[in-house]
């Protein structure tokens, strides 16, 4: 798939992604799958297996929704933190946790 950070890398990576999600009648967002361009300029699609936790944070006046999820990447189950900026409406992989 290309240059996805190795297991155990917990430093922020801030990879912009295109997210496919569902929103229920109360406005709760549930990420389903996402796409991104890897270092070899290939489009990769990753299906989210499980949403482990979700939270909303305020960082210096910037509202973000934070999701800890698990997904299969290159045949390995990875834990990752995905963030959604409420103000800019942009999604990104913030960091890989394992």
PDB file of N, CA and C in Angstrom:
ATOM      1  N   UNK A   1       0.809  -1.182   0.000  1.00  0.00           N
ATOM      2  CA  UNK A   1       0.000   0.000   0.000  1.00  0.00           C
ATOM      3  C   UNK A   1       0.856   1.250   0.000  1.00  0.00           C
ATOM      4  N   UNK A   2       2.076   1.185   0.388  1.00  0.00           N
ATOM      5  CA  UNK A   2       2.890   2.396   0.391  1.00  0.00           C
ATOM      6  C   UNK A   2       3.347   2.759   1.784  1.00  0.00           C
ATOM      7  N   UNK A   3       3.678   4.012   1.974  1.00  0.00           N
ATOM      8  CA  UNK A   3       4.300   4.472   3.200  1.00  0.00           C
ATOM      9  C   UNK A   3       3.288   4.820   4.276  1.00  0.00           C
ATOM     10  N   UNK A   4       2.709   3.797   4.874  1.00  0.00           N
ATOM     11  CA  UNK A   4       1.878   3.994   6.055  1.00  0.00           C
ATOM     12  C   UNK A   4       2.811   3.761   7.235  1.00  0.00           C
ATOM     13  N   UNK A   5       2.823   4.656   8.231  1.00  0.00           N
ATOM     14  CA  UNK A   5       3.755   4.513   9.350  1.00  0.00           C
ATOM     15  C   UNK A   5       3.716   3.126   9.996  1.00  0.00           C
ATOM     16  N   UNK A   6       4.863   2.691  10.470  1.00  0.00           N
ATOM     17  CA  UNK A   6       5.028   1.356  11.050  1.00  0.00           C
ATOM     18  C   UNK A   6       4.300   1.220  12.384  1.00  0.00           C
ATOM     19  N   UNK A   7       4.106  -0.041  12.794  1.00  0.00           N
ATOM     20  CA  UNK A   7       3.477  -0.351  14.072  1.00  0.00           C
ATOM     21  C   UNK A   7       4.243   0.343  15.196  1.00  0.00           C
ATOM     22  N   UNK A   8       3.504   0.837  16.177  1.00  0.00           N
ATOM     23  CA  UNK A   8       4.117   1.465  17.326  1.00  0.00           C
ATOM     24  C   UNK A   8       4.410   2.942  17.137  1.00  0.00           C
ATOM     25  N   UNK A   9       4.240   3.453  15.926  1.00  0.00           N
ATOM     26  CA  UNK A   9       4.457   4.874  15.690  1.00  0.00           C
ATOM     27  C   UNK A   9       3.282   5.639  16.259  1.00  0.00           C
ATOM     28  N   UNK A  10       3.518   6.438  17.288  1.00  0.00           N
ATOM     29  CA  UNK A  10       2.410   7.182  17.886  1.00  0.00           C
ATOM     30  C   UNK A  10       2.565   8.688  17.685  1.00  0.00           C
ATOM     31  N   UNK A  11       3.555   9.100  16.906  1.00  0.00           N
ATOM     32  CA  UNK A  11       3.716  10.525  16.602  1.00  0.00           C
ATOM     33  C   UNK A  11       2.621  10.946  15.625  1.00  0.00           C
ATOM     34  N   UNK A  12       2.132  12.173  15.734  1.00  0.00           N
ATOM     35  CA  UNK A  12       1.111  12.642  14.791  1.00  0.00           C
ATOM     36  C   UNK A  12       1.601  12.552  13.349  1.00  0.00           C
ATOM     37  N   UNK A  13       0.717  12.094  12.458  1.00  0.00           N
ATOM     38  CA  UNK A  13       1.068  11.983  11.045  1.00  0.00           C
ATOM     39  C   UNK A  13       0.241  12.933  10.188  1.00  0.00           C
ATOM     40  N   UNK A  14      -0.958  13.298  10.641  1.00  0.00           N
ATOM     41  CA  UNK A  14      -1.831  14.263   9.958  1.00  0.00           C
ATOM     42  C   UNK A  14      -2.000  13.989   8.464  1.00  0.00           C
ATOM     43  N   UNK A  15      -2.454  12.794   8.125  1.00  0.00           N
ATOM     44  CA  UNK A  15      -2.701  12.432   6.740  1.00  0.00           C
ATOM     45  C   UNK A  15      -4.124  12.847   6.380  1.00  0.00           C
ATOM     46  N   UNK A  16      -4.306  13.731   5.382  1.00  0.00           N
ATOM     47  CA  UNK A  16      -5.672  14.098   4.999  1.00  0.00           C
ATOM     48  C   UNK A  16      -6.371  12.911   4.351  1.00  0.00           C
ATOM     49  N   UNK A  17      -7.654  12.731   4.667  1.00  0.00           N
ATOM     50  CA  UNK A  17      -8.408  11.592   4.151  1.00  0.00           C
ATOM     51  C   UNK A  17      -9.775  12.041   3.652  1.00  0.00           C
ATOM     52  N   UNK A  18     -10.335  11.217   2.785  1.00  0.00           N
ATOM     53  CA  UNK A  18     -11.719  11.391   2.342  1.00  0.00           C
ATOM     54  C   UNK A  18     -12.533  10.364   3.116  1.00  0.00           C
ATOM     55  N   UNK A  19     -13.468  10.828   3.929  1.00  0.00           N
ATOM     56  CA  UNK A  19     -14.216   9.946   4.824  1.00  0.00           C
ATOM     57  C   UNK A  19     -15.611   9.664   4.291  1.00  0.00           C
ATOM     58  N   UNK A  20     -16.021   8.425   4.435  1.00  0.00           N
ATOM     59  CA  UNK A  20     -17.402   8.004   4.206  1.00  0.00           C
ATOM     60  C   UNK A  20     -17.963   7.697   5.588  1.00  0.00           C
ATOM     61  N   UNK A  21     -19.053   8.356   5.953  1.00  0.00           N
ATOM     62  CA  UNK A  21     -19.579   8.170   7.298  1.00  0.00           C
ATOM     63  C   UNK A  21     -21.098   8.189   7.271  1.00  0.00           C
ATOM     64  N   UNK A  22     -21.676   7.792   8.373  1.00  0.00           N
ATOM     65  CA  UNK A  22     -23.122   7.851   8.566  1.00  0.00           C
ATOM     66  C   UNK A  22     -23.397   8.828   9.698  1.00  0.00           C
ATOM     67  N   UNK A  23     -24.511   9.530   9.581  1.00  0.00           N
ATOM     68  CA  UNK A  23     -24.928  10.457  10.625  1.00  0.00           C
ATOM     69  C   UNK A  23     -26.351  10.082  11.020  1.00  0.00           C
ATOM     70  N   UNK A  24     -26.568   9.851  12.309  1.00  0.00           N
ATOM     71  CA  UNK A  24     -27.910   9.451  12.744  1.00  0.00           C
ATOM     72  C   UNK A  24     -28.795  10.676  12.962  1.00  0.00           C
ATOM     73  N   UNK A  25     -30.019  10.475  13.388  1.00  0.00           N
ATOM     74  CA  UNK A  25     -30.985  11.566  13.536  1.00  0.00           C
ATOM     75  C   UNK A  25     -30.624  12.549  14.646  1.00  0.00           C
ATOM     76  N   UNK A  26     -29.698  12.162  15.529  1.00  0.00           N
ATOM     77  CA  UNK A  26     -29.260  13.077  16.588  1.00  0.00           C
ATOM     78  C   UNK A  26     -28.013  13.847  16.198  1.00  0.00           C
ATOM     79  N   UNK A  27     -27.457  13.569  15.009  1.00  0.00           N
ATOM     80  CA  UNK A  27     -26.249  14.245  14.545  1.00  0.00           C
ATOM     81  C   UNK A  27     -24.963  13.527  14.898  1.00  0.00           C
ATOM     82  N   UNK A  28     -25.064  12.345  15.469  1.00  0.00           N
ATOM     83  CA  UNK A  28     -23.871  11.572  15.841  1.00  0.00           C
ATOM     84  C   UNK A  28     -23.228  10.979  14.588  1.00  0.00           C
ATOM     85  N   UNK A  29     -21.939  11.250  14.402  1.00  0.00           N
ATOM     86  CA  UNK A  29     -21.189  10.787  13.233  1.00  0.00           C
ATOM     87  C   UNK A  29     -20.553   9.432  13.528  1.00  0.00           C
ATOM     88  N   UNK A  30     -20.657   8.514  12.558  1.00  0.00           N
ATOM     89  CA  UNK A  30     -19.993   7.212  12.653  1.00  0.00           C
ATOM     90  C   UNK A  30     -19.165   6.978  11.395  1.00  0.00           C
ATOM     91  N   UNK A  31     -17.832   7.053  11.485  1.00  0.00           N
ATOM     92  CA  UNK A  31     -16.978   6.774  10.335  1.00  0.00           C
ATOM     93  C   UNK A  31     -17.145   5.329   9.864  1.00  0.00           C
ATOM     94  N   UNK A  32     -17.174   5.131   8.549  1.00  0.00           N
ATOM     95  CA  UNK A  32     -17.356   3.794   7.975  1.00  0.00           C
ATOM     96  C   UNK A  32     -16.099   3.344   7.231  1.00  0.00           C
ATOM     97  N   UNK A  33     -15.616   4.179   6.309  1.00  0.00           N
ATOM     98  CA  UNK A  33     -14.391   3.882   5.565  1.00  0.00           C
ATOM     99  C   UNK A  33     -13.797   5.193   5.087  1.00  0.00           C
ATOM    100  N   UNK A  34     -12.511   5.139   4.718  1.00  0.00           N
ATOM    101  CA  UNK A  34     -11.851   6.344   4.231  1.00  0.00           C
ATOM    102  C   UNK A  34     -10.855   6.005   3.136  1.00  0.00           C
ATOM    103  N   UNK A  35     -10.529   7.015   2.341  1.00  0.00           N
ATOM    104  CA  UNK A  35      -9.553   6.889   1.260  1.00  0.00           C
ATOM    105  C   UNK A  35      -8.465   7.936   1.452  1.00  0.00           C
ATOM    106  N   UNK A  36      -7.263   7.594   0.998  1.00  0.00           N
ATOM    107  CA  UNK A  36      -6.169   8.558   1.004  1.00  0.00           C
ATOM    108  C   UNK A  36      -5.181   8.185  -0.083  1.00  0.00           C
ATOM    109  N   UNK A  37      -4.336   9.133  -0.439  1.00  0.00           N
ATOM    110  CA  UNK A  37      -3.310   8.903  -1.444  1.00  0.00           C
ATOM    111  C   UNK A  37      -2.011   8.541  -0.733  1.00  0.00           C
ATOM    112  N   UNK A  38      -1.422   7.395  -1.109  1.00  0.00           N
ATOM    113  CA  UNK A  38      -0.180   6.979  -0.451  1.00  0.00           C
ATOM    114  C   UNK A  38       1.025   7.628  -1.133  1.00  0.00           C
ATOM    115  N   UNK A  39       2.212   7.299  -0.664  1.00  0.00           N
ATOM    116  CA  UNK A  39       3.434   7.928  -1.174  1.00  0.00           C
ATOM    117  C   UNK A  39       3.717   7.564  -2.629  1.00  0.00           C
ATOM    118  N   UNK A  40       3.099   6.489  -3.124  1.00  0.00           N
ATOM    119  CA  UNK A  40       3.270   6.082  -4.518  1.00  0.00           C
ATOM    120  C   UNK A  40       2.122   6.598  -5.391  1.00  0.00           C
ATOM    121  N   UNK A  41       1.331   7.535  -4.842  1.00  0.00           N
ATOM    122  CA  UNK A  41       0.207   8.180  -5.528  1.00  0.00           C
ATOM    123  C   UNK A  41      -0.906   7.205  -5.904  1.00  0.00           C
ATOM    124  N   UNK A  42      -1.047   6.160  -5.127  1.00  0.00           N
ATOM    125  CA  UNK A  42      -2.148   5.214  -5.287  1.00  0.00           C
ATOM    126  C   UNK A  42      -3.239   5.603  -4.287  1.00  0.00           C
ATOM    127  N   UNK A  43      -4.499   5.438  -4.683  1.00  0.00           N
ATOM    128  CA  UNK A  43      -5.612   5.706  -3.777  1.00  0.00           C
ATOM    129  C   UNK A  43      -5.893   4.429  -2.989  1.00  0.00           C
ATOM    130  N   UNK A  44      -5.846   4.526  -1.685  1.00  0.00           N
ATOM    131  CA  UNK A  44      -6.073   3.396  -0.783  1.00  0.00           C
ATOM    132  C   UNK A  44      -7.402   3.587  -0.076  1.00  0.00           C
ATOM    133  N   UNK A  45      -8.186   2.524   0.008  1.00  0.00           N
ATOM    134  CA  UNK A  45      -9.452   2.558   0.734  1.00  0.00           C
ATOM    135  C   UNK A  45      -9.345   1.637   1.937  1.00  0.00           C
ATOM    136  N   UNK A  46      -9.682   2.154   3.101  1.00  0.00           N
ATOM    137  CA  UNK A  46      -9.598   1.406   4.351  1.00  0.00           C
ATOM    138  C   UNK A  46     -10.985   1.375   4.993  1.00  0.00           C
ATOM    139  N   UNK A  47     -11.453   0.178   5.339  1.00  0.00           N
ATOM    140  CA  UNK A  47     -12.739   0.011   6.019  1.00  0.00           C
ATOM    141  C   UNK A  47     -12.493  -0.019   7.526  1.00  0.00           C
ATOM    142  N   UNK A  48     -13.246   0.754   8.260  1.00  0.00           N
ATOM    143  CA  UNK A  48     -13.125   0.790   9.717  1.00  0.00           C
ATOM    144  C   UNK A  48     -13.878  -0.405  10.294  1.00  0.00           C
ATOM    145  N   UNK A  49     -13.174  -1.221  11.076  1.00  0.00           N
ATOM    146  CA  UNK A  49     -13.775  -2.405  11.690  1.00  0.00           C
ATOM    147  C   UNK A  49     -14.597  -2.058  12.918  1.00  0.00           C
ATOM    148  N   UNK A  50     -14.063  -1.138  13.725  1.00  0.00           N
ATOM    149  CA  UNK A  50     -14.709  -0.837  15.001  1.00  0.00           C
ATOM    150  C   UNK A  50     -14.356   0.577  15.452  1.00  0.00           C
ATOM    151  N   UNK A  51     -15.354   1.285  15.968  1.00  0.00           N
ATOM    152  CA  UNK A  51     -15.113   2.566  16.626  1.00  0.00           C
ATOM    153  C   UNK A  51     -14.970   2.257  18.106  1.00  0.00           C
ATOM    154  N   UNK A  52     -13.789   2.475  18.637  1.00  0.00           N
ATOM    155  CA  UNK A  52     -13.510   2.125  20.026  1.00  0.00           C
ATOM    156  C   UNK A  52     -14.013   3.208  20.972  1.00  0.00           C
ATOM    157  N   UNK A  53     -13.770   4.467  20.619  1.00  0.00           N
ATOM    158  CA  UNK A  53     -14.286   5.575  21.422  1.00  0.00           C
ATOM    159  C   UNK A  53     -14.394   6.812  20.552  1.00  0.00           C
ATOM    160  N   UNK A  54     -15.181   7.759  21.023  1.00  0.00           N
ATOM    161  CA  UNK A  54     -15.355   9.038  20.333  1.00  0.00           C
ATOM    162  C   UNK A  54     -15.454  10.125  21.382  1.00  0.00           C
ATOM    163  N   UNK A  55     -14.997  11.313  21.007  1.00  0.00           N
ATOM    164  CA  UNK A  55     -14.992  12.434  21.941  1.00  0.00           C
ATOM    165  C   UNK A  55     -14.995  13.723  21.128  1.00  0.00           C
ATOM    166  N   UNK A  56     -15.327  14.826  21.759  1.00  0.00           N
ATOM    167  CA  UNK A  56     -15.218  16.127  21.117  1.00  0.00           C
ATOM    168  C   UNK A  56     -14.259  16.961  21.941  1.00  0.00           C
ATOM    169  N   UNK A  57     -13.308  17.592  21.273  1.00  0.00           N
ATOM    170  CA  UNK A  57     -12.266  18.372  21.933  1.00  0.00           C
ATOM    171  C   UNK A  57     -12.276  19.804  21.423  1.00  0.00           C
ATOM    172  N   UNK A  58     -11.785  20.703  22.250  1.00  0.00           N
ATOM    173  CA  UNK A  58     -11.536  22.084  21.858  1.00  0.00           C
ATOM    174  C   UNK A  58     -10.054  22.343  22.037  1.00  0.00           C
ATOM    175  N   UNK A  59      -9.344  22.591  20.931  1.00  0.00           N
ATOM    176  CA  UNK A  59      -7.924  22.893  20.969  1.00  0.00           C
ATOM    177  C   UNK A  59      -7.743  24.339  20.540  1.00  0.00           C
ATOM    178  N   UNK A  60      -7.475  25.223  21.475  1.00  0.00           N
ATOM    179  CA  UNK A  60      -7.249  26.640  21.203  1.00  0.00           C
ATOM    180  C   UNK A  60      -8.378  27.195  20.318  1.00  0.00           C
ATOM    181  N   UNK A  61      -9.608  26.910  20.704  1.00  0.00           N
ATOM    182  CA  UNK A  61     -10.760  27.421  19.974  1.00  0.00           C
ATOM    183  C   UNK A  61     -11.148  26.641  18.736  1.00  0.00           C
ATOM    184  N   UNK A  62     -10.428  25.564  18.422  1.00  0.00           N
ATOM    185  CA  UNK A  62     -10.744  24.735  17.258  1.00  0.00           C
ATOM    186  C   UNK A  62     -11.486  23.495  17.754  1.00  0.00           C
ATOM    187  N   UNK A  63     -12.723  23.327  17.288  1.00  0.00           N
ATOM    188  CA  UNK A  63     -13.529  22.174  17.697  1.00  0.00           C
ATOM    189  C   UNK A  63     -13.224  20.983  16.802  1.00  0.00           C
ATOM    190  N   UNK A  64     -12.898  19.859  17.433  1.00  0.00           N
ATOM    191  CA  UNK A  64     -12.616  18.634  16.687  1.00  0.00           C
ATOM    192  C   UNK A  64     -13.342  17.464  17.310  1.00  0.00           C
ATOM    193  N   UNK A  65     -13.812  16.573  16.455  1.00  0.00           N
ATOM    194  CA  UNK A  65     -14.345  15.298  16.897  1.00  0.00           C
ATOM    195  C   UNK A  65     -13.218  14.294  16.748  1.00  0.00           C
ATOM    196  N   UNK A  66     -13.013  13.509  17.789  1.00  0.00           N
ATOM    197  CA  UNK A  66     -11.888  12.591  17.869  1.00  0.00           C
ATOM    198  C   UNK A  66     -12.436  11.168  17.916  1.00  0.00           C
ATOM    199  N   UNK A  67     -11.922  10.299  17.054  1.00  0.00           N
ATOM    200  CA  UNK A  67     -12.371   8.911  16.992  1.00  0.00           C
ATOM    201  C   UNK A  67     -11.166   7.993  17.124  1.00  0.00           C
ATOM    202  N   UNK A  68     -11.244   7.013  18.012  1.00  0.00           N
ATOM    203  CA  UNK A  68     -10.247   5.962  18.094  1.00  0.00           C
ATOM    204  C   UNK A  68     -10.883   4.736  17.466  1.00  0.00           C
ATOM    205  N   UNK A  69     -10.249   4.218  16.405  1.00  0.00           N
ATOM    206  CA  UNK A  69     -10.833   3.152  15.599  1.00  0.00           C
ATOM    207  C   UNK A  69      -9.816   2.050  15.361  1.00  0.00           C
ATOM    208  N   UNK A  70     -10.324   0.895  14.931  1.00  0.00           N
ATOM    209  CA  UNK A  70      -9.445  -0.171  14.462  1.00  0.00           C
ATOM    210  C   UNK A  70      -9.806  -0.464  13.009  1.00  0.00           C
ATOM    211  N   UNK A  71      -8.770  -0.821  12.241  1.00  0.00           N
ATOM    212  CA  UNK A  71      -8.947  -1.122  10.821  1.00  0.00           C
ATOM    213  C   UNK A  71      -7.849  -2.080  10.371  1.00  0.00           C
ATOM    214  N   UNK A  72      -8.140  -2.845   9.341  1.00  0.00           N
ATOM    215  CA  UNK A  72      -7.146  -3.726   8.734  1.00  0.00           C
ATOM    216  C   UNK A  72      -6.384  -2.909   7.693  1.00  0.00           C
ATOM    217  N   UNK A  73      -5.073  -2.784   7.865  1.00  0.00           N
ATOM    218  CA  UNK A  73      -4.226  -2.077   6.916  1.00  0.00           C
ATOM    219  C   UNK A  73      -3.076  -3.005   6.553  1.00  0.00           C
ATOM    220  N   UNK A  74      -2.983  -3.340   5.268  1.00  0.00           N
ATOM    221  CA  UNK A  74      -1.967  -4.289   4.784  1.00  0.00           C
ATOM    222  C   UNK A  74      -2.037  -5.612   5.544  1.00  0.00           C
ATOM    223  N   UNK A  75      -3.241  -6.076   5.854  1.00  0.00           N
ATOM    224  CA  UNK A  75      -3.423  -7.357   6.520  1.00  0.00           C
ATOM    225  C   UNK A  75      -3.145  -7.344   8.011  1.00  0.00           C
ATOM    226  N   UNK A  76      -2.887  -6.183   8.578  1.00  0.00           N
ATOM    227  CA  UNK A  76      -2.582  -6.056  10.011  1.00  0.00           C
ATOM    228  C   UNK A  76      -3.624  -5.156  10.652  1.00  0.00           C
ATOM    229  N   UNK A  77      -4.167  -5.584  11.791  1.00  0.00           N
ATOM    230  CA  UNK A  77      -5.121  -4.742  12.517  1.00  0.00           C
ATOM    231  C   UNK A  77      -4.365  -3.595  13.172  1.00  0.00           C
ATOM    232  N   UNK A  78      -4.788  -2.381  12.850  1.00  0.00           N
ATOM    233  CA  UNK A  78      -4.139  -1.184  13.381  1.00  0.00           C
ATOM    234  C   UNK A  78      -5.144  -0.367  14.178  1.00  0.00           C
ATOM    235  N   UNK A  79      -4.674   0.250  15.241  1.00  0.00           N
ATOM    236  CA  UNK A  79      -5.472   1.218  15.991  1.00  0.00           C
ATOM    237  C   UNK A  79      -5.029   2.599  15.545  1.00  0.00           C
ATOM    238  N   UNK A  80      -6.001   3.471  15.284  1.00  0.00           N
ATOM    239  CA  UNK A  80      -5.654   4.793  14.817  1.00  0.00           C
ATOM    240  C   UNK A  80      -6.590   5.833  15.398  1.00  0.00           C
ATOM    241  N   UNK A  81      -6.089   7.037  15.459  1.00  0.00           N
ATOM    242  CA  UNK A  81      -6.879   8.169  15.902  1.00  0.00           C
ATOM    243  C   UNK A  81      -7.208   9.011  14.680  1.00  0.00           C
ATOM    244  N   UNK A  82      -8.496   9.213  14.451  1.00  0.00           N
ATOM    245  CA  UNK A  82      -8.973  10.018  13.331  1.00  0.00           C
ATOM    246  C   UNK A  82      -9.644  11.244  13.912  1.00  0.00           C
ATOM    247  N   UNK A  83      -9.400  12.389  13.302  1.00  0.00           N
ATOM    248  CA  UNK A  83     -10.015  13.629  13.783  1.00  0.00           C
ATOM    249  C   UNK A  83     -10.785  14.314  12.661  1.00  0.00           C
ATOM    250  N   UNK A  84     -11.880  14.933  13.060  1.00  0.00           N
ATOM    251  CA  UNK A  84     -12.717  15.711  12.150  1.00  0.00           C
ATOM    252  C   UNK A  84     -12.802  17.127  12.684  1.00  0.00           C
ATOM    253  N   UNK A  85     -12.399  18.099  11.884  1.00  0.00           N
ATOM    254  CA  UNK A  85     -12.482  19.503  12.273  1.00  0.00           C
ATOM    255  C   UNK A  85     -13.874  20.009  11.953  1.00  0.00           C
ATOM    256  N   UNK A  86     -14.609  20.406  12.967  1.00  0.00           N
ATOM    257  CA  UNK A  86     -15.980  20.884  12.794  1.00  0.00           C
ATOM    258  C   UNK A  86     -15.983  22.173  11.968  1.00  0.00           C
ATOM    259  N   UNK A  87     -15.026  23.049  12.191  1.00  0.00           N
ATOM    260  CA  UNK A  87     -14.990  24.343  11.509  1.00  0.00           C
ATOM    261  C   UNK A  87     -14.608  24.230  10.029  1.00  0.00           C
ATOM    262  N   UNK A  88     -13.590  23.423   9.717  1.00  0.00           N
ATOM    263  CA  UNK A  88     -13.134  23.308   8.325  1.00  0.00           C
ATOM    264  C   UNK A  88     -13.776  22.147   7.585  1.00  0.00           C
ATOM    265  N   UNK A  89     -14.452  21.254   8.316  1.00  0.00           N
ATOM    266  CA  UNK A  89     -15.096  20.060   7.773  1.00  0.00           C
ATOM    267  C   UNK A  89     -14.091  19.150   7.068  1.00  0.00           C
ATOM    268  N   UNK A  90     -12.884  19.039   7.613  1.00  0.00           N
ATOM    269  CA  UNK A  90     -11.841  18.188   7.047  1.00  0.00           C
ATOM    270  C   UNK A  90     -11.525  17.045   8.006  1.00  0.00           C
ATOM    271  N   UNK A  91     -11.275  15.883   7.413  1.00  0.00           N
ATOM    272  CA  UNK A  91     -10.901  14.684   8.152  1.00  0.00           C
ATOM    273  C   UNK A  91      -9.416  14.422   7.958  1.00  0.00           C
ATOM    274  N   UNK A  92      -8.791  13.797   8.989  1.00  0.00           N
ATOM    275  CA  UNK A  92      -7.400  13.375   8.864  1.00  0.00           C
ATOM    276  C   UNK A  92      -7.105  12.232   9.825  1.00  0.00           C
ATOM    277  N   UNK A  93      -6.143  11.410   9.429  1.00  0.00           N
ATOM    278  CA  UNK A  93      -5.583  10.434  10.377  1.00  0.00           C
ATOM    279  C   UNK A  93      -4.616  11.234  11.220  1.00  0.00           C
ATOM    280  N   UNK A  94      -4.890  11.322  12.505  1.00  0.00           N
ATOM    281  CA  UNK A  94      -4.011  12.092  13.376  1.00  0.00           C
ATOM    282  C   UNK A  94      -2.787  11.282  13.760  1.00  0.00           C
ATOM    283  N   UNK A  95      -3.009  10.025  14.179  1.00  0.00           N
ATOM    284  CA  UNK A  95      -1.879   9.180  14.541  1.00  0.00           C
ATOM    285  C   UNK A  95      -2.248   7.709  14.510  1.00  0.00           C
ATOM    286  N   UNK A  96      -1.246   6.862  14.299  1.00  0.00           N
ATOM    287  CA  UNK A  96      -1.388   5.415  14.398  1.00  0.00           C
ATOM    288  C   UNK A  96      -0.938   5.030  15.807  1.00  0.00           C
ATOM    289  N   UNK A  97      -1.764   4.279  16.507  1.00  0.00           N
ATOM    290  CA  UNK A  97      -1.458   3.925  17.896  1.00  0.00           C
ATOM    291  C   UNK A  97      -0.802   2.561  18.015  1.00  0.00           C
ATOM    292  N   UNK A  98      -1.026   1.695  17.050  1.00  0.00           N
ATOM    293  CA  UNK A  98      -0.356   0.388  17.032  1.00  0.00           C
ATOM    294  C   UNK A  98      -0.400  -0.185  15.651  1.00  0.00           C
TER     295      UNK A  98
END
